[in-house]
Amino acid sequence: MFVKRKSFLLIIIASMFFSCTKLEKVRLLQLTLTNHQSSKQTTEEITEQTKIVKEKVREAVNAIGLVLVRDNSKEKLRPRGSGVVVRANGIIATNYHVIQNGQTGELYPEIFFEINKNDSSVDFERYRLITIIVNKGQDLALLQVIKDEKDQASIGLPAITIETNPVEILDDIVIIGYPEKGGKSVTVNTGIVEGKDLLEEWIKTDARLIRGNSGGAAVNGSGKLIGIPTKIVVDSQEVDKDGDGFPDTTQSYGAVGFLRPAHLVTAMLGQLDKSSLTLDKPNTTKNSNIIQQVAPVNLVTIKGIVIKSGTNDEPIAGARIGLIPAETDEVTPKNLLCWGGSNADGWFELNKTVPPGKYCLKVKAFGFEPYTQTIEIKEKQEIIIIKLGKSGG
């Protein structure tokens, strides 16, 4: 009797185990189907996002044109670089070196802007330009389409949108322009943001920059302008192939492209709006023979002294001082602009000069509380006095 009951119990347990296993398999199947559907949905979303990005970049392409120059009306126009429409009423941004004659150092007397109506180089519109603002130090210029004042608002060029948010390292970018070897049709290529130089105002990229790309546009996935392609630095070394001790050729090992950040263009547009060149409305700009200059920025050396708080100015040696952008709080290798250390008398001088503006000053010293202060650096900067209090520990 006991054996029969035992067998009966074993049958019930086995049945329960089988049922649970079967139920678990059903749940697993449902989970697999759900994950598959979720994966399929994600793929579809990615495909849709890719389409949107491409469409936005194509819209930005319409705002990029070819800059042509000549010394007089008898000469044939020759391509010189690229330009980007930043306002629909005919304001064009480009590099200063694109419109400057490298031999004479003067601006070309005749500058034209050619913008394609489609992807071909056959159907295009050409406009005569005048230079209105130049920033020689940062190699930028704003030009304006020449038209009668009454027709100025009716130009209606496709203008690009300028990105207001800062770029980040590894952001995807697209370079748009008219490289010399690419003919008279627009050329695009992709890359990423490799780095940023906050003090020198550069964005670094691995995207391919070729002669003629200068003055064009670097845009993000939203088709917004993030920078102006300006220069390229090639890593090259001389190579001695035949072993005679003299270099025979040069080997290239890569290159870094440099872009001027778009906020510099925004600042120049702001200067344009405040100047006498504009009417009451920014989109009704007057023609003028006056070329405004963006004043060069005077860089400032930051010096100071670190002393103990509540004492007779007793100096603190070995303090570490760093400067970061004002809108940040944490010090990282990416945002540390310059740094230095205090000597035996508490004096310090940071290792790099900086332009005037607001910054965040960070100080650390052994046995003292960390110090953080937002400071305003002026062109005629006074000595900074930093007082540190002893730490509680």
Protein backbone atom coordinates (compact mmCIF):
# COMPACT_ATOMS: atom_id res chain seq x y z
CA MET A 1 0.00 0.00 0.00
CA PHE A 2 2.83 2.33 0.90
CA VAL A 3 4.59 1.51 -2.37
CA LYS A 4 1.45 2.35 -4.36
CA ARG A 5 1.06 5.67 -2.54
CA LYS A 6 4.71 6.45 -3.14
CA SER A 7 4.36 5.68 -6.83
CA PHE A 8 1.22 7.82 -6.99
CA LEU A 9 3.06 10.74 -5.35
CA LEU A 10 5.95 10.39 -7.77
CA ILE A 11 3.50 10.53 -10.69
CA ILE A 12 1.89 13.74 -9.29
CA ILE A 13 5.31 15.40 -8.71
CA ALA A 14 6.46 14.43 -12.20
CA SER A 15 3.25 15.82 -13.67
CA MET A 16 3.68 19.08 -11.74
CA PHE A 17 7.31 19.35 -12.87
CA PHE A 18 6.31 18.71 -16.47
CA SER A 19 3.55 21.34 -16.24
CA CYS A 20 5.92 23.92 -14.73
CA THR A 21 8.56 23.15 -17.35
CA LYS A 22 5.99 23.46 -20.11
CA LEU A 23 4.68 26.72 -18.61
CA GLU A 24 8.22 28.06 -18.31
CA LYS A 25 8.87 27.21 -21.96
CA VAL A 26 5.74 29.13 -22.94
CA ARG A 27 6.89 32.12 -20.90
CA LEU A 28 10.34 31.93 -22.47
CA LEU A 29 8.75 31.75 -25.91
CA GLN A 30 6.60 34.77 -25.12
CA LEU A 31 9.65 36.67 -23.83
CA THR A 32 11.63 35.75 -26.94
CA LEU A 33 8.82 36.95 -29.19
CA THR A 34 8.52 40.15 -27.17
CA ASN A 35 12.27 40.78 -27.39
CA HIS A 36 12.19 40.02 -31.10
CA GLN A 37 9.35 42.47 -31.63
CA SER A 38 11.15 45.06 -29.52
CA SER A 39 14.35 44.48 -31.50
CA LYS A 40 12.42 44.78 -34.76
CA GLN A 41 10.81 48.00 -33.55
CA THR A 42 14.19 49.41 -32.53
CA THR A 43 15.62 48.63 -35.96
CA GLU A 44 12.69 50.37 -37.61
CA GLU A 45 13.16 53.36 -35.33
CA ILE A 46 16.87 53.51 -36.16
CA THR A 47 16.07 53.34 -39.88
CA GLU A 48 13.58 56.17 -39.50
CA GLN A 49 16.06 58.25 -37.51
CA THR A 50 18.70 57.68 -40.18
CA LYS A 51 16.29 58.92 -42.84
CA ILE A 52 15.57 62.04 -40.79
CA VAL A 53 19.29 62.73 -40.30
CA LYS A 54 19.99 62.37 -44.01
CA GLU A 55 17.10 64.67 -44.87
CA LYS A 56 18.33 67.31 -42.42
CA VAL A 57 21.86 67.14 -43.84
CA ARG A 58 20.49 67.42 -47.40
CA GLU A 59 18.68 70.60 -46.35
CA ALA A 60 21.97 71.95 -45.00
CA VAL A 61 23.72 71.11 -48.30
CA ASN A 62 21.40 73.59 -50.04
CA ALA A 63 22.93 76.41 -47.99
CA ILE A 64 26.53 75.71 -49.04
CA GLY A 65 28.02 77.34 -52.11
CA LEU A 66 31.23 77.88 -54.06
CA VAL A 67 33.28 81.06 -53.59
CA LEU A 68 34.92 82.36 -56.78
CA VAL A 69 37.34 85.28 -57.16
CA ARG A 70 39.21 87.35 -59.73
CA ASP A 71 41.42 90.42 -59.72
CA ASN A 72 39.52 92.26 -62.43
CA SER A 73 36.57 91.83 -64.80
CA LYS A 74 38.84 90.72 -67.66
CA GLU A 75 39.97 87.62 -65.80
CA LYS A 76 38.12 84.35 -65.64
CA LEU A 77 36.52 83.50 -62.31
CA ARG A 78 38.40 80.82 -60.42
CA PRO A 79 37.20 78.69 -57.48
CA ARG A 80 38.75 79.69 -54.20
CA GLY A 81 36.84 77.83 -51.50
CA SER A 82 33.42 77.32 -49.98
CA GLY A 83 30.89 79.51 -48.21
CA VAL A 84 27.74 78.96 -46.15
CA VAL A 85 24.55 81.04 -46.14
CA VAL A 86 23.87 82.05 -42.55
CA ARG A 87 21.01 84.44 -43.31
CA ALA A 88 18.42 84.21 -46.04
CA ASN A 89 18.88 87.86 -47.00
CA GLY A 90 22.30 87.07 -48.42
CA ILE A 91 24.81 86.93 -45.53
CA ILE A 92 27.58 84.42 -46.27
CA ALA A 93 30.20 83.09 -43.84
CA THR A 94 33.56 81.79 -45.01
CA ASN A 95 37.24 81.79 -44.05
CA TYR A 96 39.22 85.00 -44.34
CA HIS A 97 41.99 83.22 -46.25
CA VAL A 98 39.44 82.19 -48.92
CA ILE A 99 38.84 85.82 -49.93
CA GLN A 100 42.40 87.06 -49.35
CA ASN A 101 45.03 87.16 -52.09
CA GLY A 102 47.93 85.20 -50.64
CA GLN A 103 50.50 87.13 -52.69
CA THR A 104 49.36 90.68 -52.01
CA GLY A 105 47.71 90.15 -48.63
CA GLU A 106 44.73 92.17 -49.85
CA LEU A 107 41.14 91.04 -50.31
CA TYR A 108 40.17 90.07 -53.83
CA PRO A 109 38.38 92.99 -55.48
CA GLU A 110 35.78 90.74 -57.08
CA ILE A 111 34.20 87.92 -55.08
CA PHE A 112 31.25 85.80 -56.19
CA PHE A 113 29.09 83.13 -54.59
CA GLU A 114 27.68 80.29 -56.66
CA ILE A 115 24.98 78.08 -55.18
CA ASN A 116 23.53 75.02 -56.90
CA LYS A 117 19.80 74.58 -57.25
CA ASN A 118 20.22 70.80 -57.21
CA ASP A 119 22.96 68.20 -56.89
CA SER A 120 24.42 69.00 -60.33
CA SER A 121 26.86 71.78 -61.26
CA VAL A 122 24.81 72.89 -64.26
CA ASP A 123 21.82 74.61 -62.66
CA PHE A 124 23.13 77.33 -60.34
CA GLU A 125 22.71 80.94 -59.29
CA ARG A 126 25.63 83.36 -58.99
CA TYR A 127 25.81 86.44 -56.76
CA ARG A 128 28.36 89.23 -56.40
CA LEU A 129 29.57 89.66 -52.81
CA ILE A 130 31.06 92.42 -50.70
CA THR A 131 32.98 91.86 -47.49
CA ILE A 132 31.35 93.38 -44.41
CA ILE A 133 33.11 91.88 -41.36
CA VAL A 134 36.47 90.11 -41.05
CA ASN A 135 38.09 88.34 -38.13
CA LYS A 136 41.69 87.91 -39.23
CA GLY A 137 42.82 86.38 -35.97
CA GLN A 138 40.35 83.50 -36.23
CA ASP A 139 40.33 83.40 -40.04
CA LEU A 140 36.63 84.17 -40.52
CA ALA A 141 34.66 86.61 -42.65
CA LEU A 142 31.08 87.64 -43.32
CA LEU A 143 30.09 88.73 -46.82
CA GLN A 144 26.88 90.09 -48.27
CA VAL A 145 25.11 89.61 -51.59
CA ILE A 146 25.07 92.86 -53.56
CA LYS A 147 21.56 93.89 -54.49
CA ASP A 148 19.43 96.97 -54.51
CA GLU A 149 18.23 97.79 -51.01
CA LYS A 150 14.59 97.38 -52.07
CA ASP A 151 15.32 93.86 -53.33
CA GLN A 152 17.50 92.79 -50.38
CA ALA A 153 14.73 91.05 -48.42
CA SER A 154 13.55 89.15 -51.51
CA ILE A 155 16.82 87.25 -52.10
CA GLY A 156 15.53 84.30 -50.10
CA LEU A 157 18.62 82.10 -50.09
CA PRO A 158 18.40 78.76 -48.22
CA ALA A 159 20.05 79.59 -44.90
CA ILE A 160 21.57 77.13 -42.46
CA THR A 161 20.64 77.01 -38.76
CA ILE A 162 23.48 77.58 -36.32
CA GLU A 163 23.73 75.11 -33.44
CA THR A 164 23.65 76.76 -30.01
CA ASN A 165 24.62 73.72 -27.94
CA PRO A 166 28.32 72.82 -27.56
CA VAL A 167 29.66 69.81 -29.40
CA GLU A 168 31.01 66.82 -27.51
CA ILE A 169 33.87 64.47 -28.26
CA LEU A 170 32.80 61.54 -30.51
CA ASP A 171 29.82 63.48 -31.90
CA ASP A 172 29.13 62.59 -35.53
CA ILE A 173 29.64 65.39 -38.05
CA VAL A 174 29.32 65.90 -41.80
CA ILE A 175 31.67 68.15 -43.78
CA ILE A 176 30.03 69.95 -46.72
CA GLY A 177 31.94 71.96 -49.30
CA TYR A 178 33.48 72.31 -52.73
CA PRO A 179 36.95 70.75 -52.58
CA GLU A 180 39.27 71.65 -55.44
CA LYS A 181 39.55 68.05 -56.65
CA GLY A 182 35.80 67.49 -56.38
CA GLY A 183 34.81 69.64 -59.34
CA LYS A 184 32.06 72.27 -59.16
CA SER A 185 29.50 70.09 -57.45
CA VAL A 186 29.07 69.86 -53.70
CA THR A 187 30.91 67.10 -51.83
CA VAL A 188 30.15 65.63 -48.40
CA ASN A 189 32.04 63.29 -46.09
CA THR A 190 31.60 62.13 -42.53
CA GLY A 191 33.66 61.94 -39.38
CA ILE A 192 33.59 62.51 -35.64
CA VAL A 193 34.69 65.20 -33.21
CA GLU A 194 38.15 64.09 -32.09
CA GLY A 195 38.75 66.87 -29.61
CA LYS A 196 38.22 70.49 -28.62
CA ASP A 197 40.66 73.28 -27.88
CA LEU A 198 38.64 75.66 -25.73
CA LEU A 199 41.34 78.31 -25.41
CA GLU A 200 42.40 78.44 -29.05
CA GLU A 201 38.78 78.04 -30.27
CA TRP A 202 39.15 74.89 -32.36
CA ILE A 203 37.12 71.74 -32.94
CA LYS A 204 39.27 68.82 -34.10
CA THR A 205 37.94 66.12 -36.43
CA ASP A 206 39.04 63.06 -38.35
CA ALA A 207 36.68 63.97 -41.22
CA ARG A 208 38.48 64.45 -44.54
CA LEU A 209 39.29 68.09 -45.27
CA ILE A 210 40.63 68.90 -48.73
CA ARG A 211 41.75 72.16 -50.31
CA GLY A 212 38.57 74.00 -51.20
CA ASN A 213 36.59 72.74 -48.18
CA SER A 214 37.73 75.86 -46.35
CA GLY A 215 34.85 78.16 -45.55
CA GLY A 216 32.21 75.45 -45.97
CA ALA A 217 30.19 73.83 -43.22
CA ALA A 218 30.52 71.13 -40.59
CA VAL A 219 27.04 70.08 -39.49
CA ASN A 220 25.59 67.67 -36.95
CA GLY A 221 22.83 65.10 -37.38
CA SER A 222 20.23 67.85 -37.16
CA GLY A 223 21.79 69.63 -40.13
CA LYS A 224 22.85 72.54 -37.90
CA LEU A 225 26.13 74.38 -38.33
CA ILE A 226 28.69 73.47 -35.68
CA GLY A 227 31.86 74.75 -37.33
CA ILE A 228 33.66 76.18 -40.35
CA PRO A 229 36.35 73.89 -41.87
CA THR A 230 39.50 76.01 -41.70
CA LYS A 231 42.74 74.06 -41.81
CA ILE A 232 44.35 70.65 -41.71
CA VAL A 233 47.54 69.52 -39.99
CA VAL A 234 49.22 66.50 -41.56
CA ASP A 235 51.45 64.19 -39.53
CA SER A 236 54.30 63.55 -41.98
CA GLN A 237 57.93 62.45 -41.66
CA GLU A 238 60.85 62.38 -44.06
CA VAL A 239 61.89 58.88 -45.13
CA ASP A 240 65.31 57.69 -46.34
CA LYS A 241 64.48 54.82 -48.70
CA ASP A 242 67.93 54.09 -50.18
CA GLY A 243 69.83 54.33 -46.91
CA ASP A 244 72.24 57.06 -48.02
CA GLY A 245 71.47 59.18 -44.99
CA PHE A 246 69.38 61.70 -46.91
CA PRO A 247 65.57 61.72 -47.02
CA ASP A 248 64.13 60.75 -50.41
CA THR A 249 60.43 61.27 -49.77
CA THR A 250 57.85 62.21 -47.18
CA GLN A 251 55.52 59.67 -45.59
CA SER A 252 52.12 60.78 -44.30
CA TYR A 253 50.72 59.09 -41.20
CA GLY A 254 47.37 60.81 -40.94
CA ALA A 255 45.88 64.25 -40.47
CA VAL A 256 43.70 66.26 -38.12
CA GLY A 257 41.12 68.70 -39.46
CA PHE A 258 40.45 71.93 -37.58
CA LEU A 259 37.10 73.73 -37.50
CA ARG A 260 36.29 77.17 -36.15
CA PRO A 261 33.30 76.78 -33.77
CA ALA A 262 29.99 78.15 -35.05
CA HIS A 263 29.53 80.42 -32.04
CA LEU A 264 32.24 82.67 -33.51
CA VAL A 265 30.00 83.21 -36.55
CA THR A 266 27.10 83.95 -34.21
CA ALA A 267 29.21 86.59 -32.46
CA MET A 268 30.05 88.22 -35.80
CA LEU A 269 26.37 88.29 -36.73
CA GLY A 270 25.70 89.96 -33.40
CA GLN A 271 28.29 92.59 -34.21
CA LEU A 272 26.65 93.07 -37.60
CA ASP A 273 23.25 93.65 -35.97
CA LYS A 274 24.67 96.25 -33.59
CA SER A 275 26.59 98.13 -36.24
CA SER A 276 25.52 100.99 -38.46
CA LEU A 277 25.43 98.59 -41.39
CA THR A 278 22.02 97.31 -40.38
CA LEU A 279 18.57 98.84 -40.44
CA ASP A 280 15.94 98.23 -37.78
CA LYS A 281 15.57 94.62 -38.91
CA PRO A 282 18.55 92.23 -39.11
CA ASN A 283 17.22 90.72 -42.34
CA THR A 284 17.33 94.04 -44.24
CA THR A 285 21.07 94.66 -44.34
CA LYS A 286 22.38 97.66 -46.26
CA ASN A 287 25.14 97.48 -48.84
CA SER A 288 28.26 99.28 -47.64
CA ASN A 289 31.90 99.70 -48.58
CA ILE A 290 32.93 99.69 -44.92
CA ILE A 291 34.64 96.52 -43.72
CA GLN A 292 34.43 95.99 -39.99
CA GLN A 293 37.27 94.35 -38.14
CA VAL A 294 36.77 91.99 -35.24
CA ALA A 295 39.21 93.24 -32.64
CA PRO A 296 41.84 90.65 -31.73
CA VAL A 297 41.46 89.17 -28.28
CA ASN A 298 44.17 90.13 -25.80
CA LEU A 299 45.10 87.03 -23.84
CA VAL A 300 45.69 87.36 -20.12
CA THR A 301 48.26 85.73 -17.84
CA ILE A 302 46.71 84.68 -14.53
CA LYS A 303 48.88 85.29 -11.47
CA GLY A 304 48.15 85.25 -7.77
CA ILE A 305 49.02 84.16 -4.27
CA VAL A 306 47.61 81.45 -2.01
CA ILE A 307 47.52 82.26 1.72
CA LYS A 308 46.05 80.83 4.91
CA SER A 309 42.73 82.26 5.98
CA GLY A 310 42.70 84.08 9.32
CA THR A 311 46.48 84.51 9.55
CA ASN A 312 48.93 87.30 8.77
CA ASP A 313 49.00 86.39 5.07
CA GLU A 314 51.00 83.23 5.75
CA PRO A 315 51.68 81.66 2.32
CA ILE A 316 50.70 78.15 1.31
CA ALA A 317 53.24 76.25 -0.76
CA GLY A 318 52.38 73.37 -3.09
CA ALA A 319 48.78 74.37 -3.75
CA ARG A 320 47.42 73.20 -7.11
CA ILE A 321 45.41 75.79 -9.04
CA GLY A 322 43.27 75.05 -12.10
CA LEU A 323 40.96 77.03 -14.35
CA ILE A 324 37.86 75.51 -16.00
CA PRO A 325 34.88 76.97 -17.91
CA ALA A 326 32.44 78.91 -15.73
CA GLU A 327 29.48 76.63 -16.47
CA THR A 328 31.30 73.54 -15.15
CA ASP A 329 32.18 72.44 -11.64
CA GLU A 330 34.11 69.17 -11.88
CA VAL A 331 37.69 69.22 -13.16
CA THR A 332 38.38 66.75 -15.98
CA PRO A 333 41.22 66.41 -18.52
CA LYS A 334 38.79 67.68 -21.16
CA ASN A 335 37.80 70.95 -19.50
CA LEU A 336 40.99 71.92 -17.65
CA LEU A 337 42.06 75.10 -19.46
CA CYS A 338 45.25 75.89 -17.59
CA TRP A 339 46.88 75.11 -14.29
CA GLY A 340 49.81 75.84 -11.99
CA GLY A 341 51.24 75.44 -8.49
CA SER A 342 52.20 77.82 -5.71
CA ASN A 343 55.87 78.20 -4.74
CA ALA A 344 57.37 78.48 -1.27
CA ASP A 345 56.10 82.06 -1.00
CA GLY A 346 52.58 81.10 -2.12
CA TRP A 347 52.86 82.75 -5.54
CA PHE A 348 51.62 81.07 -8.72
CA GLU A 349 51.32 81.72 -12.44
CA LEU A 350 49.12 79.49 -14.61
CA ASN A 351 50.80 77.78 -17.56
CA LYS A 352 48.60 79.24 -20.34
CA THR A 353 47.12 82.61 -21.16
CA VAL A 354 43.34 82.91 -21.52
CA PRO A 355 40.95 85.41 -23.14
CA PRO A 356 38.97 87.72 -20.84
CA GLY A 357 35.71 86.28 -19.52
CA LYS A 358 34.12 84.27 -16.72
CA TYR A 359 35.84 81.15 -15.43
CA CYS A 360 35.74 78.77 -12.49
CA LEU A 361 38.88 78.73 -10.33
CA LYS A 362 39.63 75.51 -8.41
CA VAL A 363 42.31 75.20 -5.73
CA LYS A 364 43.48 72.25 -3.64
CA ALA A 365 46.18 72.07 -1.00
CA PHE A 366 47.04 69.36 1.52
CA GLY A 367 45.45 70.06 4.89
CA PHE A 368 43.09 72.73 3.58
CA GLU A 369 39.50 72.85 2.36
CA PRO A 370 39.03 72.73 -1.44
CA TYR A 371 38.40 76.15 -2.95
CA THR A 372 35.97 76.97 -5.79
CA GLN A 373 35.22 80.45 -7.05
CA THR A 374 33.71 81.94 -10.22
CA ILE A 375 35.95 84.79 -11.34
CA GLU A 376 35.85 87.45 -14.04
CA ILE A 377 39.15 87.71 -15.93
CA LYS A 378 39.72 91.19 -17.36
CA GLU A 379 42.22 92.47 -19.93
CA LYS A 380 44.05 94.30 -17.15
CA GLN A 381 43.87 91.54 -14.61
CA GLU A 382 44.93 92.18 -11.02
CA ILE A 383 46.70 89.71 -8.79
CA ILE A 384 44.30 87.04 -7.51
CA ILE A 385 44.40 86.47 -3.75
CA ILE A 386 43.17 83.05 -2.62
CA LYS A 387 42.52 82.35 1.05
CA LEU A 388 42.24 78.73 2.15
CA GLY A 389 40.79 77.48 5.44
CA LYS A 390 42.17 74.44 7.25
CA SER A 391 40.28 71.21 6.73
CA GLY A 392 38.30 69.74 9.60
CA GLY A 393 40.09 66.40 9.37
